[in-house]
Amino acid sequence: MAADSFVFKEFEVIQSNCAMKVGTDSVLLGAWFAIPEAGNVLDIGTGTGILAIMAGQRSNSFIDAIEIDEEAYYQALDNCKKSKWRERIDVYHTSLQEYAPVASKKYDVIVSNPPYFSNSLQAASESRTMARHTASLNFEELADGIALLLKLDGSFATILPIKEAELFTAIAKRYGLYISRMTYVKTTCTKPAKRILLQFGFQKVLPVEETLIIEDEAKSDDCEMKQRFYSDEYKKLTRSFYLGF
């Protein structure tokens, strides 16, 4: 059972009222996505507010975060207000579908850890279903909103399972969004990638393709206690956030 809070080096995320708790996906995305030193960032479906807060820590940008679920919105609002970067983060209780047509600005960077389960058995609670499933925000609506809100030289970043990434990439192309950077995420070097970090923009370029391995399999296998040994590249990426690194 997930803890009610998650403590990082420079902030704490309370998550007792959020359907989707802090996980590896959100931390990876928050540490990985390209962000300007100063600019405007949008976090779509902020949940606990973790991506918005990480963006605040990593830059001097101004961050807008939107969240459709009421309980998650209030939790994100509280988490952001308690952070060191509260003056640069605004949280709004709204959906992307409502926000995109009326927003008063375009963004240098848009980031989202989106819902992606469309055909699986839906979660028991309504809020968890909303957070995990595309019923509240499908890929077509996500791509449409990004195309409306992103600057011509801006970028959109997300993390998805491999199959869903292929689906979203095909949809994004219809809105003029093309992959510029991609990182396959593997638990160990011998296991297939289960997630992919993706960065999109309006320019057609040859994508930069990388692989990130989370655990050092050799060290983990050698340890009698089966302790997890994280790879140097994973520790380097997340060191500014995780207490253990």
C-alpha atoms as a PDB file:
ATOM      1  CA  MET A   1       0.000   0.000   0.000  1.00  0.00           C
ATOM      2  CA  ALA A   2       1.425   3.374  -1.007  1.00  0.00           C
ATOM      3  CA  ALA A   3       2.467   5.806   1.704  1.00  0.00           C
ATOM      4  CA  ASP A   4       0.454   8.972   2.226  1.00  0.00           C
ATOM      5  CA  SER A   5       3.509  11.070   1.411  1.00  0.00           C
ATOM      6  CA  PHE A   6       6.702  10.846  -0.622  1.00  0.00           C
ATOM      7  CA  VAL A   7       9.739  12.786   0.573  1.00  0.00           C
ATOM      8  CA  PHE A   8      12.305  14.102  -1.901  1.00  0.00           C
ATOM      9  CA  LYS A   9      15.507  16.028  -1.255  1.00  0.00           C
ATOM     10  CA  GLU A  10      13.926  19.467  -1.554  1.00  0.00           C
ATOM     11  CA  PHE A  11      10.185  18.894  -1.239  1.00  0.00           C
ATOM     12  CA  GLU A  12       7.486  16.535   0.006  1.00  0.00           C
ATOM     13  CA  VAL A  13       4.482  15.288  -1.933  1.00  0.00           C
ATOM     14  CA  ILE A  14       1.352  14.441   0.063  1.00  0.00           C
ATOM     15  CA  GLN A  15      -0.700  11.939  -1.936  1.00  0.00           C
ATOM     16  CA  SER A  16      -3.390  10.597   0.411  1.00  0.00           C
ATOM     17  CA  ASN A  17      -6.246  12.028  -1.704  1.00  0.00           C
ATOM     18  CA  CYS A  18      -4.783  11.251  -5.125  1.00  0.00           C
ATOM     19  CA  ALA A  19      -5.835   8.175  -7.051  1.00  0.00           C
ATOM     20  CA  MET A  20      -2.467   7.843  -8.748  1.00  0.00           C
ATOM     21  CA  LYS A  21       0.480   7.915  -6.379  1.00  0.00           C
ATOM     22  CA  VAL A  22       4.042   9.033  -7.022  1.00  0.00           C
ATOM     23  CA  GLY A  23       5.820   6.393  -9.076  1.00  0.00           C
ATOM     24  CA  THR A  24       8.914   5.776 -11.150  1.00  0.00           C
ATOM     25  CA  ASP A  25       7.203   7.013 -14.335  1.00  0.00           C
ATOM     26  CA  SER A  26       6.514  10.489 -12.958  1.00  0.00           C
ATOM     27  CA  VAL A  27       9.972  10.886 -11.405  1.00  0.00           C
ATOM     28  CA  LEU A  28      11.675   9.750 -14.612  1.00  0.00           C
ATOM     29  CA  LEU A  29       9.614  12.115 -16.734  1.00  0.00           C
ATOM     30  CA  GLY A  30      10.076  15.020 -14.330  1.00  0.00           C
ATOM     31  CA  ALA A  31      13.853  14.597 -14.345  1.00  0.00           C
ATOM     32  CA  TRP A  32      14.156  13.837 -18.082  1.00  0.00           C
ATOM     33  CA  PHE A  33      12.088  16.362 -20.011  1.00  0.00           C
ATOM     34  CA  ALA A  34      13.833  19.359 -21.559  1.00  0.00           C
ATOM     35  CA  ILE A  35      13.012  22.619 -19.801  1.00  0.00           C
ATOM     36  CA  PRO A  36      14.160  26.186 -20.462  1.00  0.00           C
ATOM     37  CA  GLU A  37      15.902  28.087 -17.695  1.00  0.00           C
ATOM     38  CA  ALA A  38      13.141  30.681 -17.986  1.00  0.00           C
ATOM     39  CA  GLY A  39       9.896  30.203 -19.892  1.00  0.00           C
ATOM     40  CA  ASN A  40       6.320  28.945 -19.578  1.00  0.00           C
ATOM     41  CA  VAL A  41       5.567  25.307 -18.760  1.00  0.00           C
ATOM     42  CA  LEU A  42       2.215  23.476 -18.702  1.00  0.00           C
ATOM     43  CA  ASP A  43       1.650  20.262 -16.747  1.00  0.00           C
ATOM     44  CA  ILE A  44      -1.442  18.431 -18.007  1.00  0.00           C
ATOM     45  CA  GLY A  45      -3.156  16.203 -15.422  1.00  0.00           C
ATOM     46  CA  THR A  46      -0.830  17.209 -12.611  1.00  0.00           C
ATOM     47  CA  GLY A  47      -2.187  14.712 -10.041  1.00  0.00           C
ATOM     48  CA  THR A  48      -0.133  15.277  -6.891  1.00  0.00           C
ATOM     49  CA  GLY A  49       1.638  18.220  -8.534  1.00  0.00           C
ATOM     50  CA  ILE A  50       4.946  16.368  -8.703  1.00  0.00           C
ATOM     51  CA  LEU A  51       5.864  17.306 -12.295  1.00  0.00           C
ATOM     52  CA  ALA A  52       5.043  20.968 -11.684  1.00  0.00           C
ATOM     53  CA  ILE A  53       7.182  21.017  -8.537  1.00  0.00           C
ATOM     54  CA  MET A  54      10.064  19.223 -10.245  1.00  0.00           C
ATOM     55  CA  ALA A  55       9.879  21.783 -13.053  1.00  0.00           C
ATOM     56  CA  GLY A  56      10.050  24.518 -10.425  1.00  0.00           C
ATOM     57  CA  GLN A  57      13.157  22.976  -8.892  1.00  0.00           C
ATOM     58  CA  ARG A  58      14.881  22.481 -12.249  1.00  0.00           C
ATOM     59  CA  SER A  59      14.385  25.990 -13.670  1.00  0.00           C
ATOM     60  CA  ASN A  60      13.210  29.557 -13.202  1.00  0.00           C
ATOM     61  CA  SER A  61      10.238  28.947 -15.497  1.00  0.00           C
ATOM     62  CA  PHE A  62       6.630  29.754 -14.652  1.00  0.00           C
ATOM     63  CA  ILE A  63       4.499  26.640 -14.426  1.00  0.00           C
ATOM     64  CA  ASP A  64       0.762  26.182 -14.943  1.00  0.00           C
ATOM     65  CA  ALA A  65      -0.711  22.850 -13.837  1.00  0.00           C
ATOM     66  CA  ILE A  66      -4.206  21.606 -14.639  1.00  0.00           C
ATOM     67  CA  GLU A  67      -6.143  18.780 -12.985  1.00  0.00           C
ATOM     68  CA  ILE A  68      -9.715  17.594 -13.625  1.00  0.00           C
ATOM     69  CA  ASP A  69     -10.195  15.527 -10.438  1.00  0.00           C
ATOM     70  CA  GLU A  70     -11.292  17.764  -7.554  1.00  0.00           C
ATOM     71  CA  GLU A  71      -9.529  15.920  -4.722  1.00  0.00           C
ATOM     72  CA  ALA A  72      -6.308  15.678  -6.698  1.00  0.00           C
ATOM     73  CA  TYR A  73      -6.557  19.367  -7.596  1.00  0.00           C
ATOM     74  CA  TYR A  74      -6.721  20.425  -3.938  1.00  0.00           C
ATOM     75  CA  GLN A  75      -3.872  18.066  -3.060  1.00  0.00           C
ATOM     76  CA  ALA A  76      -1.704  19.438  -5.881  1.00  0.00           C
ATOM     77  CA  LEU A  77      -2.582  22.989  -4.876  1.00  0.00           C
ATOM     78  CA  ASP A  78      -1.495  22.287  -1.297  1.00  0.00           C
ATOM     79  CA  ASN A  79       1.712  20.509  -2.350  1.00  0.00           C
ATOM     80  CA  CYS A  80       2.691  23.331  -4.692  1.00  0.00           C
ATOM     81  CA  LYS A  81       1.920  26.023  -2.109  1.00  0.00           C
ATOM     82  CA  LYS A  82       4.195  24.271   0.388  1.00  0.00           C
ATOM     83  CA  SER A  83       7.082  24.039  -2.069  1.00  0.00           C
ATOM     84  CA  LYS A  84       9.963  26.514  -2.388  1.00  0.00           C
ATOM     85  CA  TRP A  85       8.774  27.433  -5.861  1.00  0.00           C
ATOM     86  CA  ARG A  86       5.184  28.364  -4.958  1.00  0.00           C
ATOM     87  CA  GLU A  87       5.475  31.847  -6.481  1.00  0.00           C
ATOM     88  CA  ARG A  88       6.057  30.357  -9.945  1.00  0.00           C
ATOM     89  CA  ILE A  89       3.419  27.586  -9.910  1.00  0.00           C
ATOM     90  CA  ASP A  90      -0.312  28.037 -10.532  1.00  0.00           C
ATOM     91  CA  VAL A  91      -2.734  25.108 -10.296  1.00  0.00           C
ATOM     92  CA  TYR A  92      -6.130  25.136 -12.029  1.00  0.00           C
ATOM     93  CA  HIS A  93      -9.140  22.852 -11.556  1.00  0.00           C
ATOM     94  CA  THR A  94     -10.011  22.196 -15.184  1.00  0.00           C
ATOM     95  CA  SER A  95      -9.679  19.707 -18.020  1.00  0.00           C
ATOM     96  CA  LEU A  96      -7.432  20.112 -21.031  1.00  0.00           C
ATOM     97  CA  GLN A  97     -10.507  20.139 -23.246  1.00  0.00           C
ATOM     98  CA  GLU A  98     -11.834  23.178 -21.358  1.00  0.00           C
ATOM     99  CA  TYR A  99      -8.479  24.903 -20.893  1.00  0.00           C
ATOM    100  CA  ALA A 100      -6.942  24.702 -24.364  1.00  0.00           C
ATOM    101  CA  PRO A 101      -9.493  26.849 -26.286  1.00  0.00           C
ATOM    102  CA  VAL A 102      -9.442  29.706 -23.737  1.00  0.00           C
ATOM    103  CA  ALA A 103      -5.823  29.790 -22.527  1.00  0.00           C
ATOM    104  CA  SER A 104      -4.251  33.252 -22.724  1.00  0.00           C
ATOM    105  CA  LYS A 105      -0.748  32.014 -23.568  1.00  0.00           C
ATOM    106  CA  LYS A 106       1.229  29.421 -25.460  1.00  0.00           C
ATOM    107  CA  TYR A 107       3.896  27.296 -23.784  1.00  0.00           C
ATOM    108  CA  ASP A 108       7.584  26.644 -24.340  1.00  0.00           C
ATOM    109  CA  VAL A 109       7.164  23.195 -22.804  1.00  0.00           C
ATOM    110  CA  ILE A 110       4.155  20.972 -22.151  1.00  0.00           C
ATOM    111  CA  VAL A 111       4.548  17.843 -20.054  1.00  0.00           C
ATOM    112  CA  SER A 112       2.085  15.113 -19.146  1.00  0.00           C
ATOM    113  CA  ASN A 113       2.074  11.677 -17.542  1.00  0.00           C
ATOM    114  CA  PRO A 114      -1.263  10.880 -19.195  1.00  0.00           C
ATOM    115  CA  PRO A 115      -3.945   8.233 -18.748  1.00  0.00           C
ATOM    116  CA  TYR A 116      -3.315   5.404 -21.188  1.00  0.00           C
ATOM    117  CA  PHE A 117      -5.371   2.325 -20.281  1.00  0.00           C
ATOM    118  CA  SER A 118      -8.219   2.247 -22.778  1.00  0.00           C
ATOM    119  CA  ASN A 119      -9.147  -1.418 -23.065  1.00  0.00           C
ATOM    120  CA  SER A 120      -8.174  -2.847 -19.678  1.00  0.00           C
ATOM    121  CA  LEU A 121     -10.523  -3.588 -16.797  1.00  0.00           C
ATOM    122  CA  GLN A 122     -11.339  -0.249 -15.221  1.00  0.00           C
ATOM    123  CA  ALA A 123     -10.320   0.529 -11.663  1.00  0.00           C
ATOM    124  CA  ALA A 124     -12.837   0.259  -8.848  1.00  0.00           C
ATOM    125  CA  SER A 125     -12.835   3.906  -7.739  1.00  0.00           C
ATOM    126  CA  GLU A 126     -14.099   6.623 -10.073  1.00  0.00           C
ATOM    127  CA  SER A 127     -11.084   8.871  -9.428  1.00  0.00           C
ATOM    128  CA  ARG A 128      -8.584   6.074 -10.080  1.00  0.00           C
ATOM    129  CA  THR A 129     -10.445   5.154 -13.262  1.00  0.00           C
ATOM    130  CA  MET A 130     -10.247   8.786 -14.385  1.00  0.00           C
ATOM    131  CA  ALA A 131      -6.535   8.959 -13.634  1.00  0.00           C
ATOM    132  CA  ARG A 132      -5.614   5.674 -15.337  1.00  0.00           C
ATOM    133  CA  HIS A 133      -7.983   5.470 -18.307  1.00  0.00           C
ATOM    134  CA  THR A 134      -8.324   7.499 -21.481  1.00  0.00           C
ATOM    135  CA  ALA A 135     -12.066   7.970 -20.919  1.00  0.00           C
ATOM    136  CA  SER A 136     -11.394  11.430 -19.442  1.00  0.00           C
ATOM    137  CA  LEU A 137      -8.664  12.414 -21.923  1.00  0.00           C
ATOM    138  CA  ASN A 138      -8.051  10.297 -24.989  1.00  0.00           C
ATOM    139  CA  PHE A 139      -4.951  10.575 -27.159  1.00  0.00           C
ATOM    140  CA  GLU A 140      -6.793  12.510 -29.875  1.00  0.00           C
ATOM    141  CA  GLU A 141      -7.891  15.148 -27.344  1.00  0.00           C
ATOM    142  CA  LEU A 142      -4.411  15.265 -25.824  1.00  0.00           C
ATOM    143  CA  ALA A 143      -2.727  15.856 -29.187  1.00  0.00           C
ATOM    144  CA  ASP A 144      -5.335  18.444 -30.155  1.00  0.00           C
ATOM    145  CA  GLY A 145      -4.823  20.372 -26.912  1.00  0.00           C
ATOM    146  CA  ILE A 146      -1.042  20.288 -27.258  1.00  0.00           C
ATOM    147  CA  ALA A 147      -1.218  21.571 -30.847  1.00  0.00           C
ATOM    148  CA  LEU A 148      -3.320  24.508 -29.646  1.00  0.00           C
ATOM    149  CA  LEU A 149      -1.130  25.400 -26.653  1.00  0.00           C
ATOM    150  CA  LEU A 150       2.453  24.698 -27.748  1.00  0.00           C
ATOM    151  CA  LYS A 151       4.703  27.387 -29.239  1.00  0.00           C
ATOM    152  CA  LEU A 152       6.028  26.692 -32.733  1.00  0.00           C
ATOM    153  CA  ASP A 153       9.518  26.067 -31.311  1.00  0.00           C
ATOM    154  CA  GLY A 154       8.240  24.395 -28.140  1.00  0.00           C
ATOM    155  CA  SER A 155       8.317  20.753 -27.036  1.00  0.00           C
ATOM    156  CA  PHE A 156       5.930  18.246 -25.487  1.00  0.00           C
ATOM    157  CA  ALA A 157       7.197  15.419 -23.260  1.00  0.00           C
ATOM    158  CA  THR A 158       5.476  12.304 -21.964  1.00  0.00           C
ATOM    159  CA  ILE A 159       6.057   8.712 -20.828  1.00  0.00           C
ATOM    160  CA  LEU A 160       4.040   5.756 -22.128  1.00  0.00           C
ATOM    161  CA  PRO A 161       4.125   1.977 -22.480  1.00  0.00           C
ATOM    162  CA  ILE A 162       5.536   0.876 -25.838  1.00  0.00           C
ATOM    163  CA  LYS A 163       2.235  -0.071 -27.486  1.00  0.00           C
ATOM    164  CA  GLU A 164       0.487   3.107 -26.382  1.00  0.00           C
ATOM    165  CA  ALA A 165       3.502   5.179 -27.460  1.00  0.00           C
ATOM    166  CA  GLU A 166       3.136   3.841 -31.002  1.00  0.00           C
ATOM    167  CA  LEU A 167      -0.556   4.755 -30.999  1.00  0.00           C
ATOM    168  CA  PHE A 168       0.004   8.260 -29.649  1.00  0.00           C
ATOM    169  CA  THR A 169       2.891   8.916 -32.057  1.00  0.00           C
ATOM    170  CA  ALA A 170       0.652   8.111 -35.023  1.00  0.00           C
ATOM    171  CA  ILE A 171      -2.070  10.431 -33.710  1.00  0.00           C
ATOM    172  CA  ALA A 172       0.403  13.212 -32.889  1.00  0.00           C
ATOM    173  CA  LYS A 173       1.638  13.243 -36.503  1.00  0.00           C
ATOM    174  CA  ARG A 174      -1.841  14.181 -37.663  1.00  0.00           C
ATOM    175  CA  TYR A 175      -1.507  17.331 -35.547  1.00  0.00           C
ATOM    176  CA  GLY A 176       1.936  18.168 -36.888  1.00  0.00           C
ATOM    177  CA  LEU A 177       3.819  16.842 -33.850  1.00  0.00           C
ATOM    178  CA  TYR A 178       6.941  14.746 -34.477  1.00  0.00           C
ATOM    179  CA  ILE A 179       9.321  12.875 -32.183  1.00  0.00           C
ATOM    180  CA  SER A 180      12.598  14.709 -31.562  1.00  0.00           C
ATOM    181  CA  ARG A 181      13.923  12.602 -28.700  1.00  0.00           C
ATOM    182  CA  MET A 182      13.101   9.161 -27.308  1.00  0.00           C
ATOM    183  CA  THR A 183      14.481   7.115 -24.442  1.00  0.00           C
ATOM    184  CA  TYR A 184      13.534   3.469 -23.965  1.00  0.00           C
ATOM    185  CA  VAL A 185      13.313   2.577 -20.263  1.00  0.00           C
ATOM    186  CA  LYS A 186      14.397  -0.933 -19.234  1.00  0.00           C
ATOM    187  CA  THR A 187      14.382  -2.340 -15.693  1.00  0.00           C
ATOM    188  CA  THR A 188      17.589  -4.288 -16.458  1.00  0.00           C
ATOM    189  CA  CYS A 189      19.717  -4.721 -19.576  1.00  0.00           C
ATOM    190  CA  THR A 190      18.263  -8.175 -20.326  1.00  0.00           C
ATOM    191  CA  LYS A 191      14.597  -7.215 -20.004  1.00  0.00           C
ATOM    192  CA  PRO A 192      12.578  -5.595 -22.788  1.00  0.00           C
ATOM    193  CA  ALA A 193      11.668  -1.929 -22.481  1.00  0.00           C
ATOM    194  CA  LYS A 194       8.296  -1.393 -20.841  1.00  0.00           C
ATOM    195  CA  ARG A 195       8.192   2.406 -21.051  1.00  0.00           C
ATOM    196  CA  ILE A 196       9.421   5.047 -23.430  1.00  0.00           C
ATOM    197  CA  LEU A 197      10.097   8.716 -22.701  1.00  0.00           C
ATOM    198  CA  LEU A 198       9.081  10.834 -25.680  1.00  0.00           C
ATOM    199  CA  GLN A 199       9.677  14.425 -26.707  1.00  0.00           C
ATOM    200  CA  PHE A 200       7.716  15.984 -29.592  1.00  0.00           C
ATOM    201  CA  GLY A 201       7.913  19.230 -31.537  1.00  0.00           C
ATOM    202  CA  PHE A 202       6.478  20.787 -34.691  1.00  0.00           C
ATOM    203  CA  GLN A 203       9.738  20.408 -36.634  1.00  0.00           C
ATOM    204  CA  LYS A 204      10.573  17.187 -38.461  1.00  0.00           C
ATOM    205  CA  VAL A 205      13.992  16.053 -37.256  1.00  0.00           C
ATOM    206  CA  LEU A 206      15.940  12.840 -36.926  1.00  0.00           C
ATOM    207  CA  PRO A 207      15.040  11.719 -33.391  1.00  0.00           C
ATOM    208  CA  VAL A 208      17.733  11.247 -30.787  1.00  0.00           C
ATOM    209  CA  GLU A 209      17.280   7.659 -29.574  1.00  0.00           C
ATOM    210  CA  GLU A 210      18.623   6.374 -26.241  1.00  0.00           C
ATOM    211  CA  THR A 211      18.103   3.605 -23.691  1.00  0.00           C
ATOM    212  CA  LEU A 212      17.983   4.051 -19.932  1.00  0.00           C
ATOM    213  CA  ILE A 213      18.550   1.022 -17.693  1.00  0.00           C
ATOM    214  CA  ILE A 214      17.261   1.419 -14.139  1.00  0.00           C
ATOM    215  CA  GLU A 215      19.013  -1.433 -12.321  1.00  0.00           C
ATOM    216  CA  ASP A 216      22.497  -2.918 -12.488  1.00  0.00           C
ATOM    217  CA  GLU A 217      21.473  -6.540 -12.973  1.00  0.00           C
ATOM    218  CA  ALA A 218      24.916  -8.017 -12.228  1.00  0.00           C
ATOM    219  CA  LYS A 219      25.197  -6.324  -8.846  1.00  0.00           C
ATOM    220  CA  SER A 220      21.604  -7.210  -7.917  1.00  0.00           C
ATOM    221  CA  ASP A 221      22.137 -10.879  -8.839  1.00  0.00           C
ATOM    222  CA  ASP A 222      25.372 -11.060  -6.842  1.00  0.00           C
ATOM    223  CA  CYS A 223      23.733  -9.739  -3.706  1.00  0.00           C
ATOM    224  CA  GLU A 224      22.471 -12.528  -1.411  1.00  0.00           C
ATOM    225  CA  MET A 225      19.759 -10.246  -0.025  1.00  0.00           C
ATOM    226  CA  LYS A 226      18.577  -9.508  -3.586  1.00  0.00           C
ATOM    227  CA  GLN A 227      18.966  -5.810  -2.922  1.00  0.00           C
ATOM    228  CA  ARG A 228      18.240  -3.498  -5.845  1.00  0.00           C
ATOM    229  CA  PHE A 229      21.336  -1.755  -7.189  1.00  0.00           C
ATOM    230  CA  TYR A 230      20.476   1.193  -9.365  1.00  0.00           C
ATOM    231  CA  SER A 231      22.519   1.994 -12.444  1.00  0.00           C
ATOM    232  CA  ASP A 232      24.828   4.989 -12.530  1.00  0.00           C
ATOM    233  CA  GLU A 233      22.812   6.562 -15.358  1.00  0.00           C
ATOM    234  CA  TYR A 234      19.548   6.263 -13.414  1.00  0.00           C
ATOM    235  CA  LYS A 235      21.136   7.732 -10.289  1.00  0.00           C
ATOM    236  CA  LYS A 236      22.648  10.573 -12.300  1.00  0.00           C
ATOM    237  CA  LEU A 237      19.272  11.434 -13.840  1.00  0.00           C
ATOM    238  CA  THR A 238      17.324  11.391 -10.551  1.00  0.00           C
ATOM    239  CA  ARG A 239      20.021  12.389  -8.044  1.00  0.00           C
ATOM    240  CA  SER A 240      18.603  15.889  -7.541  1.00  0.00           C
ATOM    241  CA  PHE A 241      15.380  14.365  -6.249  1.00  0.00           C
ATOM    242  CA  TYR A 242      15.711  10.955  -4.569  1.00  0.00           C
ATOM    243  CA  LEU A 243      17.024  10.951  -1.007  1.00  0.00           C
ATOM    244  CA  GLY A 244      18.965   7.717  -1.474  1.00  0.00           C
ATOM    245  CA  PHE A 245      21.077   9.092  -4.322  1.00  0.00           C
END
